[in-house]
Each structure stands twice: as C-alpha cells, then as structure tokens.
C-alpha cells in the first residue's frame, strides 16, 4: 500500500515509465536493424521515401499506426 492507504497506481509506482522506456528501447533496436545490416538499403529506402508524395507517406503512416494498435489490442 502506498502512503494514505491507497494501492500504488500505474502512474504512481513508476510502472508506466518503466513500460514506456522498454517500448522506446525496442523501437530504437528495431529502427537500427536495417541501417546496421545494410546501410545501402537504408539509403535507397530514404531516397524512395523522399520521392513519394505526401498522400502516400500519410497512408503508409496510417497503416503502420493501425497495425500497431491492432497488435497492442491482440497482445493485451
């Protein structure tokens, strides 16, 4: 029990920050895989993305966010 007789909450006991930092660390690891394994591929992907129109980039971002939310829902 936390002071005042209340059970520690997700925000109060630091669990949220711990989980958030784990998530950010995993994002950094995943984002670093392609540049580490194949810098040339990373350059080509960035050049391709730079040539894409805004609508295509937004759709790709939207699809990634929706897939992420679905994955979070299924995992939890």
N, C-alpha and C. Protein backbone atom coordinates (compact mmCIF):
# COMPACT_ATOMS: atom_id res chain seq x y z
N UNK A 1 0.83 -1.18 0.00
CA UNK A 1 0.00 0.00 0.00
C UNK A 1 0.87 1.25 0.00
N UNK A 2 0.43 2.22 -0.75
CA UNK A 2 1.12 3.50 -0.78
C UNK A 2 0.71 4.32 0.43
N UNK A 3 1.47 5.38 0.72
CA UNK A 3 1.06 6.24 1.84
C UNK A 3 -0.37 6.74 1.66
N UNK A 4 -1.12 6.82 2.73
CA UNK A 4 -2.50 7.25 2.65
C UNK A 4 -3.47 6.10 2.48
N UNK A 5 -2.97 4.86 2.45
CA UNK A 5 -3.83 3.70 2.36
C UNK A 5 -4.30 3.35 0.96
N UNK A 6 -3.81 4.07 -0.05
CA UNK A 6 -4.23 3.79 -1.43
C UNK A 6 -3.24 2.82 -2.07
N UNK A 7 -3.74 1.88 -2.87
CA UNK A 7 -2.81 1.00 -3.56
C UNK A 7 -2.04 1.78 -4.62
N UNK A 8 -0.77 1.41 -4.85
CA UNK A 8 0.01 2.14 -5.85
C UNK A 8 -0.64 1.98 -7.23
N UNK A 9 -0.70 3.06 -7.96
CA UNK A 9 -1.30 3.03 -9.28
C UNK A 9 -0.27 2.86 -10.36
N UNK A 10 -0.75 2.69 -11.55
CA UNK A 10 0.11 2.52 -12.72
C UNK A 10 1.04 3.71 -12.87
N UNK A 11 0.53 4.92 -12.64
CA UNK A 11 1.32 6.13 -12.81
C UNK A 11 2.21 6.40 -11.60
N UNK A 12 1.73 6.06 -10.42
CA UNK A 12 2.43 6.45 -9.20
C UNK A 12 3.64 5.60 -8.88
N UNK A 13 3.60 4.32 -9.18
CA UNK A 13 4.70 3.46 -8.76
C UNK A 13 5.81 3.36 -9.81
N UNK A 14 5.72 4.12 -10.87
CA UNK A 14 6.76 4.12 -11.87
C UNK A 14 6.62 3.05 -12.93
N UNK A 15 5.61 2.20 -12.81
CA UNK A 15 5.44 1.12 -13.78
C UNK A 15 5.21 1.67 -15.19
N UNK A 16 4.42 2.74 -15.30
CA UNK A 16 4.16 3.32 -16.62
C UNK A 16 5.45 3.77 -17.28
N UNK A 17 6.30 4.46 -16.51
CA UNK A 17 7.55 4.96 -17.09
C UNK A 17 8.47 3.82 -17.46
N UNK A 18 8.47 2.78 -16.66
CA UNK A 18 9.29 1.60 -16.97
C UNK A 18 8.82 0.96 -18.28
N UNK A 19 7.52 0.77 -18.42
CA UNK A 19 6.97 0.18 -19.64
C UNK A 19 7.22 1.07 -20.86
N UNK A 20 7.07 2.38 -20.69
CA UNK A 20 7.31 3.31 -21.78
C UNK A 20 8.76 3.27 -22.24
N UNK A 21 9.68 3.24 -21.29
CA UNK A 21 11.09 3.17 -21.65
C UNK A 21 11.44 1.86 -22.33
N UNK A 22 10.82 0.76 -21.92
CA UNK A 22 11.03 -0.52 -22.60
C UNK A 22 10.54 -0.42 -24.05
N UNK A 23 9.36 0.16 -24.24
CA UNK A 23 8.82 0.31 -25.58
C UNK A 23 9.72 1.17 -26.45
N UNK A 24 10.21 2.28 -25.91
CA UNK A 24 11.09 3.16 -26.68
C UNK A 24 12.41 2.46 -27.02
N UNK A 25 12.93 1.69 -26.08
CA UNK A 25 14.16 0.95 -26.34
C UNK A 25 13.97 -0.07 -27.46
N UNK A 26 12.83 -0.76 -27.45
CA UNK A 26 12.55 -1.73 -28.51
C UNK A 26 12.41 -1.04 -29.87
N UNK A 27 11.78 0.14 -29.89
CA UNK A 27 11.66 0.89 -31.14
C UNK A 27 13.05 1.24 -31.66
N UNK A 28 13.94 1.70 -30.79
CA UNK A 28 15.29 2.06 -31.23
C UNK A 28 16.05 0.84 -31.77
N UNK A 29 15.90 -0.31 -31.10
CA UNK A 29 16.56 -1.52 -31.58
C UNK A 29 16.03 -1.90 -32.96
N UNK A 30 14.71 -1.92 -33.11
CA UNK A 30 14.10 -2.31 -34.39
C UNK A 30 14.48 -1.32 -35.48
N UNK A 31 14.43 -0.01 -35.17
CA UNK A 31 14.78 1.01 -36.16
C UNK A 31 16.24 0.92 -36.58
N UNK A 32 17.10 0.42 -35.70
CA UNK A 32 18.52 0.35 -36.02
C UNK A 32 18.95 -0.88 -36.79
N UNK A 33 18.07 -1.86 -36.94
CA UNK A 33 18.45 -3.11 -37.60
C UNK A 33 18.85 -2.89 -39.05
N UNK A 34 18.01 -2.23 -39.84
CA UNK A 34 18.29 -2.06 -41.28
C UNK A 34 19.54 -1.22 -41.52
N UNK A 35 19.70 -0.04 -40.87
CA UNK A 35 20.94 0.70 -41.12
C UNK A 35 22.19 -0.06 -40.70
N UNK A 36 22.10 -0.86 -39.66
CA UNK A 36 23.27 -1.63 -39.22
C UNK A 36 23.60 -2.75 -40.21
N UNK A 37 22.57 -3.49 -40.63
CA UNK A 37 22.81 -4.64 -41.51
C UNK A 37 23.08 -4.23 -42.95
N UNK A 38 22.42 -3.18 -43.42
CA UNK A 38 22.57 -2.79 -44.83
C UNK A 38 22.40 -1.27 -44.99
N UNK A 39 23.47 -0.52 -44.77
CA UNK A 39 23.37 0.92 -44.93
C UNK A 39 22.94 1.34 -46.34
N UNK A 40 23.36 0.58 -47.33
CA UNK A 40 23.00 0.90 -48.72
C UNK A 40 21.48 0.78 -48.92
N UNK A 41 20.88 -0.27 -48.37
CA UNK A 41 19.43 -0.44 -48.46
C UNK A 41 18.72 0.71 -47.76
N UNK A 42 19.24 1.13 -46.62
CA UNK A 42 18.64 2.24 -45.88
C UNK A 42 18.66 3.51 -46.72
N UNK A 43 19.78 3.79 -47.38
CA UNK A 43 19.86 4.98 -48.24
C UNK A 43 18.84 4.90 -49.37
N UNK A 44 18.73 3.72 -49.99
CA UNK A 44 17.75 3.57 -51.08
C UNK A 44 16.33 3.77 -50.58
N UNK A 45 16.02 3.23 -49.40
CA UNK A 45 14.68 3.39 -48.84
C UNK A 45 14.38 4.86 -48.56
N UNK A 46 15.36 5.59 -48.02
CA UNK A 46 15.16 7.01 -47.74
C UNK A 46 14.99 7.81 -49.02
N UNK A 47 15.75 7.48 -50.05
CA UNK A 47 15.59 8.18 -51.33
C UNK A 47 14.22 7.90 -51.94
N UNK A 48 13.78 6.66 -51.84
CA UNK A 48 12.45 6.31 -52.34
C UNK A 48 11.37 7.06 -51.58
N UNK A 49 11.51 7.12 -50.26
CA UNK A 49 10.52 7.83 -49.45
C UNK A 49 10.53 9.33 -49.77
N UNK A 50 11.71 9.89 -50.04
CA UNK A 50 11.80 11.32 -50.36
C UNK A 50 11.09 11.64 -51.67
N UNK A 51 11.01 10.67 -52.57
CA UNK A 51 10.36 10.89 -53.86
C UNK A 51 8.85 10.64 -53.81
N UNK A 52 8.35 10.05 -52.73
CA UNK A 52 6.92 9.76 -52.62
C UNK A 52 6.14 11.03 -52.32
N UNK A 53 4.90 11.05 -52.79
CA UNK A 53 4.05 12.20 -52.49
C UNK A 53 3.53 12.11 -51.05
N UNK A 54 3.05 13.25 -50.53
CA UNK A 54 2.60 13.32 -49.14
C UNK A 54 1.48 12.32 -48.85
N UNK A 55 0.57 12.16 -49.79
CA UNK A 55 -0.56 11.26 -49.55
C UNK A 55 -0.10 9.82 -49.34
N UNK A 56 0.86 9.37 -50.13
CA UNK A 56 1.37 8.00 -49.99
C UNK A 56 2.07 7.81 -48.65
N UNK A 57 2.87 8.81 -48.26
CA UNK A 57 3.56 8.71 -46.97
C UNK A 57 2.55 8.69 -45.82
N UNK A 58 1.52 9.53 -45.92
CA UNK A 58 0.49 9.54 -44.86
C UNK A 58 -0.24 8.21 -44.78
N UNK A 59 -0.56 7.64 -45.93
CA UNK A 59 -1.25 6.34 -45.93
C UNK A 59 -0.36 5.27 -45.31
N UNK A 60 0.92 5.28 -45.64
CA UNK A 60 1.85 4.32 -45.03
C UNK A 60 1.92 4.49 -43.53
N UNK A 61 1.96 5.75 -43.06
CA UNK A 61 1.97 6.02 -41.63
C UNK A 61 0.68 5.57 -40.96
N UNK A 62 -0.44 5.83 -41.62
CA UNK A 62 -1.74 5.42 -41.07
C UNK A 62 -1.83 3.91 -40.96
N UNK A 63 -1.40 3.22 -41.99
CA UNK A 63 -1.43 1.75 -41.97
C UNK A 63 -0.55 1.21 -40.84
N UNK A 64 0.64 1.81 -40.67
CA UNK A 64 1.54 1.36 -39.60
C UNK A 64 0.91 1.59 -38.23
N UNK A 65 0.26 2.76 -38.05
CA UNK A 65 -0.38 3.04 -36.75
C UNK A 65 -1.53 2.09 -36.48
N UNK A 66 -2.36 1.82 -37.49
CA UNK A 66 -3.50 0.92 -37.31
C UNK A 66 -3.01 -0.49 -36.99
N UNK A 67 -1.99 -0.95 -37.70
CA UNK A 67 -1.45 -2.28 -37.41
C UNK A 67 -0.86 -2.33 -36.00
N UNK A 68 -0.22 -1.25 -35.57
CA UNK A 68 0.31 -1.18 -34.21
C UNK A 68 -0.78 -1.25 -33.16
N UNK A 69 -1.87 -0.52 -33.37
CA UNK A 69 -2.98 -0.54 -32.42
C UNK A 69 -3.62 -1.93 -32.37
N UNK A 70 -3.80 -2.53 -33.53
CA UNK A 70 -4.36 -3.89 -33.58
C UNK A 70 -3.46 -4.87 -32.84
N UNK A 71 -2.16 -4.76 -33.07
CA UNK A 71 -1.22 -5.65 -32.38
C UNK A 71 -1.28 -5.45 -30.88
N UNK A 72 -1.30 -4.19 -30.43
CA UNK A 72 -1.43 -3.92 -28.99
C UNK A 72 -2.70 -4.52 -28.42
N UNK A 73 -3.79 -4.38 -29.14
CA UNK A 73 -5.07 -4.94 -28.69
C UNK A 73 -4.99 -6.45 -28.56
N UNK A 74 -4.42 -7.11 -29.56
CA UNK A 74 -4.34 -8.57 -29.54
C UNK A 74 -3.39 -9.07 -28.45
N UNK A 75 -2.31 -8.35 -28.21
CA UNK A 75 -1.33 -8.76 -27.20
C UNK A 75 -1.90 -8.58 -25.80
N UNK A 76 -2.64 -7.50 -25.61
CA UNK A 76 -3.20 -7.23 -24.29
C UNK A 76 -4.57 -7.83 -24.19
